[in-house]
Amino acid sequence: MIGAVAAALGAAALFAVASALQHQEAQAVDPGPSASLLVRLAKRPLWLLGMVCDGGAVALQGVALSLGSVPLVQTLLVAGLPLAALLSAALAKRSLFRHEVMGLALCCPGIALLAPALSSTPSHQEPARADAIVAGLIVAAVAVPLLALRARPRFGGAAAGAASGAVIGAGSVLLAVTANRFGDWSALFSSWGPYAAIVVGGAGLLLAQVAFQTGELGAPLAALSIVEPVVAVVLAVTVLHEDLPTSGVKVVLAVAGTLLSVAGVLALCRSEERDPVGVQV
């Protein structure tokens, strides 16, 4: 369990650095067609550095998923949200806005409560292909309408971030399936898991860049960070048949953590035009 926690926190830190760098570079690129967005971003060195950090984060996430359950690992990854917001503000050479400080102050304890509440033993079960296909169609049915709302002035960033989070959450479950085969390389590369994880992960990466173009980092990253573990946990329980703790104390912690995290996301969704005074932190 300690190894899973350490690897997940390391992945969270690298994801935070990657998100901050990719947000800055996505803001500097003309919106244009989404299909060519990754090609245009690939010409920017800082964005490529962010991709290197992403690669390291995915590797650590895979290690964490091989040692711990999907609910535990995916919840701990949200711990990178405060660091990403701080790095984004530093790269933009500005202070955090008040609503960003409030959002982080709510999200952090929410995450701290959710992590122990969702800790469980990984099942290491192989999902049925039919179940995986149905789950993928449901995720797509959720992500597409959310992505269509990205032009909305106030909640567009959060909607696009949520769409990205849904897809990345599905990719995280595929990564968990792949991680279960680490060491048995013949079985790993002859199965569909790693290839599906690459395709879904690539789609999640593209959607994240689209979300980062909508404005501040706070709203899209907060929505992504909350929706990703929720989708991953739901898929882990329904497709991988992992168990969630059912004790009264852990249920109360999970509910409290969820409420705080959602309140934090709503605070981060506030427009910076309505909160122009920065707060030095």
Protein backbone atom coordinates (compact mmCIF):
# COMPACT_ATOMS: atom_id res chain seq x y z
CA MET A 1 0.00 0.00 0.00
CA ILE A 2 2.84 2.42 0.85
CA GLY A 3 4.45 1.77 -2.55
CA ALA A 4 1.16 2.48 -4.33
CA VAL A 5 0.69 5.74 -2.42
CA ALA A 6 4.27 6.89 -3.10
CA ALA A 7 4.04 6.09 -6.82
CA ALA A 8 0.62 7.76 -7.12
CA LEU A 9 1.83 10.95 -5.42
CA GLY A 10 4.91 11.01 -7.69
CA ALA A 11 2.63 10.65 -10.70
CA ALA A 12 0.41 13.45 -9.36
CA ALA A 13 3.41 15.80 -9.12
CA LEU A 14 4.51 15.04 -12.69
CA PHE A 15 0.97 15.39 -14.02
CA ALA A 16 0.82 18.79 -12.30
CA VAL A 17 3.99 20.02 -14.02
CA ALA A 18 2.74 18.66 -17.35
CA SER A 19 -0.67 20.35 -16.97
CA ALA A 20 0.86 23.73 -16.13
CA LEU A 21 3.24 23.62 -19.12
CA GLN A 22 0.61 22.34 -21.53
CA HIS A 23 -1.92 24.96 -20.40
CA GLN A 24 0.54 27.79 -21.02
CA GLU A 25 1.42 26.48 -24.49
CA ALA A 26 -2.20 25.68 -25.44
CA GLN A 27 -3.13 29.27 -24.58
CA ALA A 28 -0.42 30.53 -26.93
CA VAL A 29 -1.68 28.52 -29.92
CA ASP A 30 -4.55 29.66 -32.14
CA PRO A 31 -7.67 27.53 -31.52
CA GLY A 32 -8.09 26.31 -35.11
CA PRO A 33 -9.23 22.74 -35.90
CA SER A 34 -8.95 20.34 -32.95
CA ALA A 35 -7.62 17.60 -35.26
CA SER A 36 -4.41 19.56 -35.94
CA LEU A 37 -4.00 20.96 -32.42
CA LEU A 38 -1.50 18.32 -31.28
CA VAL A 39 0.59 18.86 -34.44
CA ARG A 40 0.81 22.60 -33.78
CA LEU A 41 1.60 22.08 -30.11
CA ALA A 42 4.33 19.54 -30.93
CA LYS A 43 6.37 22.39 -32.43
CA ARG A 44 6.65 24.09 -29.01
CA PRO A 45 9.53 22.91 -26.76
CA LEU A 46 7.77 23.59 -23.45
CA TRP A 47 4.77 21.56 -24.54
CA LEU A 48 7.10 18.69 -25.46
CA LEU A 49 8.67 18.97 -21.99
CA GLY A 50 5.17 18.66 -20.59
CA MET A 51 4.71 15.50 -22.64
CA VAL A 52 7.90 14.05 -21.15
CA CYS A 53 6.47 14.74 -17.69
CA ASP A 54 3.21 13.11 -18.79
CA GLY A 55 5.13 10.02 -19.88
CA GLY A 56 6.87 9.77 -16.53
CA ALA A 57 3.58 10.28 -14.73
CA VAL A 58 1.87 7.50 -16.70
CA ALA A 59 4.76 5.15 -15.89
CA LEU A 60 4.44 5.89 -12.16
CA GLN A 61 0.66 5.59 -12.40
CA GLY A 62 1.10 2.14 -13.95
CA VAL A 63 3.37 1.12 -11.07
CA ALA A 64 0.84 2.44 -8.55
CA LEU A 65 -2.02 0.57 -10.23
CA SER A 66 -0.03 -2.66 -10.14
CA LEU A 67 0.32 -2.26 -6.35
CA GLY A 68 -2.96 -0.62 -5.30
CA SER A 69 -6.61 -0.37 -6.29
CA VAL A 70 -7.98 1.94 -8.98
CA PRO A 71 -10.08 4.00 -6.50
CA LEU A 72 -7.08 4.66 -4.24
CA VAL A 73 -4.62 5.54 -7.01
CA GLN A 74 -6.98 7.72 -9.05
CA THR A 75 -8.06 9.70 -6.00
CA LEU A 76 -4.47 10.38 -4.96
CA LEU A 77 -3.68 11.72 -8.44
CA VAL A 78 -5.98 14.67 -7.73
CA ALA A 79 -3.38 15.82 -5.20
CA GLY A 80 -1.52 17.36 -8.14
CA LEU A 81 -4.27 19.96 -8.63
CA PRO A 82 -2.93 22.53 -6.11
CA LEU A 83 0.60 22.25 -7.48
CA ALA A 84 -0.65 22.65 -11.07
CA ALA A 85 -2.59 25.81 -10.17
CA LEU A 86 0.44 27.29 -8.42
CA LEU A 87 2.77 26.46 -11.34
CA SER A 88 0.31 27.87 -13.87
CA ALA A 89 0.12 31.16 -11.97
CA ALA A 90 3.92 31.27 -11.70
CA LEU A 91 4.36 30.66 -15.45
CA ALA A 92 1.83 33.42 -16.18
CA LYS A 93 3.71 35.69 -13.71
CA ARG A 94 0.62 36.46 -11.67
CA SER A 95 -0.76 35.77 -8.22
CA LEU A 96 -3.57 33.32 -7.58
CA PHE A 97 -7.04 34.81 -7.81
CA ARG A 98 -9.22 34.67 -4.71
CA HIS A 99 -11.56 32.11 -6.26
CA GLU A 100 -8.57 29.91 -7.09
CA VAL A 101 -7.37 30.05 -3.49
CA MET A 102 -10.89 29.22 -2.26
CA GLY A 103 -11.25 26.36 -4.73
CA LEU A 104 -7.93 24.82 -3.75
CA ALA A 105 -8.72 25.27 -0.05
CA LEU A 106 -11.88 23.21 -0.57
CA CYS A 107 -10.48 20.60 -2.98
CA CYS A 108 -7.42 19.69 -0.90
CA PRO A 109 -9.25 18.51 2.25
CA GLY A 110 -11.87 16.88 0.02
CA ILE A 111 -9.17 14.81 -1.64
CA ALA A 112 -7.60 14.01 1.73
CA LEU A 113 -10.93 12.60 2.93
CA LEU A 114 -11.66 10.65 -0.25
CA ALA A 115 -8.33 8.82 -0.45
CA PRO A 116 -8.65 6.71 2.74
CA ALA A 117 -12.38 6.23 2.16
CA LEU A 118 -11.80 4.66 -1.27
CA SER A 119 -8.80 2.50 -0.39
CA SER A 120 -9.36 -1.16 -1.19
CA THR A 121 -7.55 -4.25 -2.45
CA PRO A 122 -7.16 -4.46 -6.26
CA SER A 123 -9.09 -7.31 -7.90
CA HIS A 124 -6.62 -7.91 -10.79
CA GLN A 125 -9.55 -9.22 -12.85
CA GLU A 126 -9.62 -9.17 -16.64
CA PRO A 127 -12.76 -7.38 -17.89
CA ALA A 128 -15.10 -9.07 -20.35
CA ARG A 129 -14.74 -7.53 -23.81
CA ALA A 130 -18.49 -6.93 -24.13
CA ASP A 131 -18.55 -5.08 -20.79
CA ALA A 132 -15.58 -2.96 -21.87
CA ILE A 133 -17.26 -2.00 -25.16
CA VAL A 134 -20.51 -1.02 -23.43
CA ALA A 135 -18.55 1.03 -20.87
CA GLY A 136 -16.67 2.77 -23.68
CA LEU A 137 -19.90 3.70 -25.46
CA ILE A 138 -21.34 5.13 -22.24
CA VAL A 139 -18.21 7.21 -21.62
CA ALA A 140 -18.39 8.54 -25.19
CA ALA A 141 -22.08 9.39 -24.75
CA VAL A 142 -21.15 11.45 -21.67
CA ALA A 143 -18.01 13.10 -23.10
CA VAL A 144 -19.38 14.29 -26.46
CA PRO A 145 -22.22 16.50 -25.10
CA LEU A 146 -19.87 17.94 -22.47
CA LEU A 147 -17.33 18.82 -25.15
CA ALA A 148 -20.05 20.56 -27.15
CA LEU A 149 -20.52 22.98 -24.22
CA ARG A 150 -16.90 24.19 -24.27
CA ALA A 151 -17.84 27.52 -25.89
CA ARG A 152 -20.08 28.53 -22.97
CA PRO A 153 -18.48 31.61 -21.33
CA ARG A 154 -18.69 30.55 -17.68
CA PHE A 155 -18.78 26.75 -17.59
CA GLY A 156 -17.14 25.96 -20.94
CA GLY A 157 -13.75 25.22 -19.38
CA ALA A 158 -15.26 22.97 -16.72
CA ALA A 159 -17.38 21.13 -19.33
CA ALA A 160 -14.39 20.51 -21.59
CA GLY A 161 -12.32 19.44 -18.59
CA ALA A 162 -15.07 17.04 -17.51
CA ALA A 163 -15.17 15.52 -21.01
CA SER A 164 -11.42 15.03 -20.89
CA GLY A 165 -11.65 13.59 -17.38
CA ALA A 166 -14.25 11.03 -18.46
CA VAL A 167 -12.05 9.77 -21.28
CA ILE A 168 -8.85 9.80 -19.21
CA GLY A 169 -10.68 7.97 -16.40
CA ALA A 170 -11.57 5.21 -18.85
CA GLY A 171 -7.95 5.16 -20.01
CA SER A 172 -6.78 4.80 -16.41
CA VAL A 173 -8.86 1.63 -16.01
CA LEU A 174 -7.32 0.27 -19.22
CA LEU A 175 -3.90 1.13 -17.79
CA ALA A 176 -4.81 -0.83 -14.65
CA VAL A 177 -5.71 -3.84 -16.81
CA THR A 178 -2.39 -3.47 -18.62
CA ALA A 179 -0.46 -3.09 -15.35
CA ASN A 180 -1.85 -6.42 -14.15
CA ARG A 181 0.19 -8.11 -16.90
CA PHE A 182 3.51 -6.45 -16.10
CA GLY A 183 6.18 -9.16 -16.09
CA ASP A 184 4.24 -11.46 -18.43
CA TRP A 185 5.26 -9.61 -21.58
CA SER A 186 3.99 -12.19 -24.04
CA ALA A 187 0.49 -12.07 -22.54
CA LEU A 188 0.69 -8.27 -22.28
CA PHE A 189 1.41 -7.56 -25.94
CA SER A 190 -0.95 -10.26 -27.22
CA SER A 191 -3.90 -8.74 -25.32
CA TRP A 192 -6.06 -5.80 -26.43
CA GLY A 193 -5.55 -3.80 -23.23
CA PRO A 194 -2.35 -1.84 -23.97
CA TYR A 195 -3.47 -0.87 -27.47
CA ALA A 196 -6.87 0.30 -26.27
CA ALA A 197 -5.12 2.24 -23.48
CA ILE A 198 -2.92 4.04 -26.06
CA VAL A 199 -5.91 5.00 -28.25
CA VAL A 200 -8.08 6.17 -25.35
CA GLY A 201 -5.13 7.91 -23.69
CA GLY A 202 -4.37 9.79 -26.92
CA ALA A 203 -7.99 10.91 -27.17
CA GLY A 204 -7.88 12.08 -23.55
CA LEU A 205 -4.68 14.02 -24.24
CA LEU A 206 -6.26 15.83 -27.20
CA LEU A 207 -9.38 16.70 -25.19
CA ALA A 208 -7.23 18.02 -22.35
CA GLN A 209 -5.46 20.43 -24.74
CA VAL A 210 -8.83 21.60 -26.07
CA ALA A 211 -9.96 22.20 -22.48
CA PHE A 212 -6.77 24.12 -21.66
CA GLN A 213 -7.53 26.53 -24.53
CA THR A 214 -10.81 27.66 -22.93
CA GLY A 215 -9.21 30.05 -20.41
CA GLU A 216 -7.74 29.74 -16.91
CA LEU A 217 -6.25 26.42 -15.83
CA GLY A 218 -8.31 26.18 -12.63
CA ALA A 219 -11.76 25.26 -13.99
CA PRO A 220 -10.81 22.68 -16.66
CA LEU A 221 -8.15 21.03 -14.50
CA ALA A 222 -10.40 20.91 -11.45
CA ALA A 223 -13.24 19.34 -13.46
CA LEU A 224 -10.83 16.90 -15.10
CA SER A 225 -9.28 16.00 -11.74
CA ILE A 226 -12.67 15.27 -10.13
CA VAL A 227 -14.41 13.52 -13.05
CA GLU A 228 -11.43 11.29 -13.86
CA PRO A 229 -11.38 9.38 -10.54
CA VAL A 230 -15.20 9.23 -10.43
CA VAL A 231 -15.34 7.58 -13.87
CA ALA A 232 -12.37 5.35 -13.01
CA VAL A 233 -13.98 4.20 -9.75
CA VAL A 234 -17.35 3.49 -11.41
CA LEU A 235 -15.67 1.47 -14.17
CA ALA A 236 -13.42 -0.32 -11.67
CA VAL A 237 -16.45 -1.43 -9.67
CA THR A 238 -18.70 -2.33 -12.62
CA VAL A 239 -16.17 -3.71 -15.12
CA LEU A 240 -13.22 -4.89 -12.99
CA HIS A 241 -15.48 -5.84 -10.06
CA GLU A 242 -13.33 -4.10 -7.45
CA ASP A 243 -14.89 -3.65 -4.02
CA LEU A 244 -15.47 -0.36 -2.25
CA PRO A 245 -15.32 -0.07 1.55
CA THR A 246 -18.78 -0.19 3.11
CA SER A 247 -18.07 0.78 6.73
CA GLY A 248 -20.10 3.68 8.09
CA VAL A 249 -17.06 5.84 8.85
CA LYS A 250 -15.61 5.47 5.34
CA VAL A 251 -18.95 6.21 3.70
CA VAL A 252 -19.23 9.44 5.74
CA LEU A 253 -15.66 10.39 4.79
CA ALA A 254 -16.39 9.71 1.10
CA VAL A 255 -19.55 11.85 1.14
CA ALA A 256 -17.80 14.71 2.97
CA GLY A 257 -14.83 14.54 0.62
CA THR A 258 -17.08 14.54 -2.44
CA LEU A 259 -19.04 17.59 -1.24
CA LEU A 260 -15.87 19.55 -0.50
CA SER A 261 -14.33 18.61 -3.85
CA VAL A 262 -17.45 19.60 -5.81
CA ALA A 263 -17.60 22.92 -3.93
CA GLY A 264 -13.96 23.49 -4.85
CA VAL A 265 -14.63 22.83 -8.53
CA LEU A 266 -17.56 25.28 -8.51
CA ALA A 267 -15.33 27.93 -6.91
CA LEU A 268 -12.65 27.37 -9.55
CA CYS A 269 -15.29 27.80 -12.29
CA ARG A 270 -15.75 31.47 -11.42
CA SER A 271 -14.68 33.87 -14.16
CA GLU A 272 -11.50 35.85 -13.53
CA GLU A 273 -13.21 38.99 -14.85
CA ARG A 274 -15.48 38.86 -11.81
CA ASP A 275 -12.54 38.39 -9.46
CA PRO A 276 -9.74 40.65 -10.76
CA VAL A 277 -7.80 41.14 -7.54
CA GLY A 278 -4.95 38.65 -7.15
CA VAL A 279 -3.94 37.06 -3.88
CA GLN A 280 -0.27 36.42 -3.21
CA VAL A 281 0.28 32.91 -1.79
